[in-house]
Amino acid sequence: MKQVIVEIDERLAALLEKVAPARSRKRSAFVRDAIRRALDAELERLTAEAYRRMPQSLDPWYFDPEAWEPRRPRRRRR
């Protein structure tokens, strides 16, 4: 894993100490999870913004399931 040093203010440090004390080994997992959730939320926001700028077509021809998974010929039972 890569280490990242982040400076935080005293208030945020005190809150972090209450939720995930440094000695509990849960702090790193807590911070990683918080970063992951923040990044996921930002990606969701960017995706929603992209769809607002260029909405998905609602034409019936737009999605053709056979283009993704062609039908297999059915085998006849004997």
Protein backbone atom coordinates (compact mmCIF):
# COMPACT_ATOMS: atom_id res chain seq x y z
CA MET A 1 0.00 0.00 0.00
CA LYS A 2 1.03 3.56 -0.56
CA GLN A 3 1.25 5.94 2.39
CA VAL A 4 -0.29 9.39 2.10
CA ILE A 5 0.29 12.13 4.66
CA VAL A 6 -2.69 14.42 5.16
CA GLU A 7 -2.81 17.46 7.40
CA ILE A 8 -6.09 18.08 9.23
CA ASP A 9 -7.14 20.80 11.65
CA GLU A 10 -7.43 20.27 15.40
CA ARG A 11 -11.25 20.00 15.38
CA LEU A 12 -11.22 17.31 12.70
CA ALA A 13 -8.39 15.49 14.49
CA ALA A 14 -10.38 15.47 17.74
CA LEU A 15 -13.47 14.08 15.98
CA LEU A 16 -11.37 11.42 14.27
CA GLU A 17 -9.83 10.45 17.61
CA LYS A 18 -13.33 9.92 19.07
CA VAL A 19 -14.52 7.79 16.17
CA ALA A 20 -11.32 5.92 15.35
CA PRO A 21 -8.62 6.23 18.00
CA ALA A 22 -5.04 6.03 16.71
CA ARG A 23 -4.20 3.10 18.98
CA SER A 24 -7.09 0.93 17.76
CA ARG A 25 -5.68 0.15 14.29
CA LYS A 26 -9.14 0.97 12.94
CA ARG A 27 -8.14 4.51 12.00
CA SER A 28 -6.46 3.59 8.70
CA ALA A 29 -9.42 1.43 7.66
CA PHE A 30 -11.80 4.22 8.65
CA VAL A 31 -9.90 6.82 6.61
CA ARG A 32 -9.58 4.49 3.60
CA ASP A 33 -13.31 3.79 3.69
CA ALA A 34 -14.13 7.51 3.97
CA ILE A 35 -11.91 8.31 0.98
CA ARG A 36 -13.42 5.45 -1.02
CA ARG A 37 -16.97 6.66 -0.28
CA ALA A 38 -16.05 10.25 -1.19
CA LEU A 39 -14.49 9.14 -4.48
CA ASP A 40 -17.52 6.96 -5.30
CA ALA A 41 -19.85 9.89 -4.60
CA GLU A 42 -17.79 12.16 -6.86
CA LEU A 43 -17.85 9.60 -9.68
CA GLU A 44 -21.63 9.28 -9.30
CA ARG A 45 -21.96 13.07 -9.45
CA LEU A 46 -19.81 13.26 -12.58
CA THR A 47 -21.79 10.45 -14.25
CA ALA A 48 -25.12 12.13 -13.43
CA GLU A 49 -23.77 15.42 -14.79
CA ALA A 50 -22.69 13.70 -18.02
CA TYR A 51 -26.17 12.17 -18.45
CA ARG A 52 -27.77 15.58 -17.86
CA ARG A 53 -25.56 17.08 -20.57
CA MET A 54 -26.17 14.21 -22.99
CA PRO A 55 -29.27 12.18 -22.00
CA GLN A 56 -29.51 8.57 -23.02
CA SER A 57 -31.65 7.98 -26.11
CA LEU A 58 -35.09 6.51 -25.48
CA ASP A 59 -35.49 5.22 -29.04
CA PRO A 60 -36.49 1.53 -29.09
CA TRP A 61 -33.64 0.68 -31.49
CA TYR A 62 -31.05 2.11 -29.11
CA PHE A 63 -30.69 -1.12 -27.16
CA ASP A 64 -30.51 -4.34 -29.10
CA PRO A 65 -29.96 -7.26 -26.72
CA GLU A 66 -28.98 -9.51 -29.63
CA ALA A 67 -26.01 -7.25 -30.31
CA TRP A 68 -24.69 -8.19 -26.87
CA GLU A 69 -25.69 -11.81 -26.56
CA PRO A 70 -26.78 -13.53 -29.76
CA ARG A 71 -29.41 -16.17 -29.33
CA ARG A 72 -28.21 -19.71 -29.42
CA PRO A 73 -30.15 -22.10 -31.60
CA ARG A 74 -32.47 -24.23 -29.51
CA ARG A 75 -31.79 -27.91 -29.39
CA ARG A 76 -34.73 -30.12 -30.09
CA ARG A 77 -35.53 -32.71 -27.50
CA ARG A 78 -35.86 -36.23 -28.73
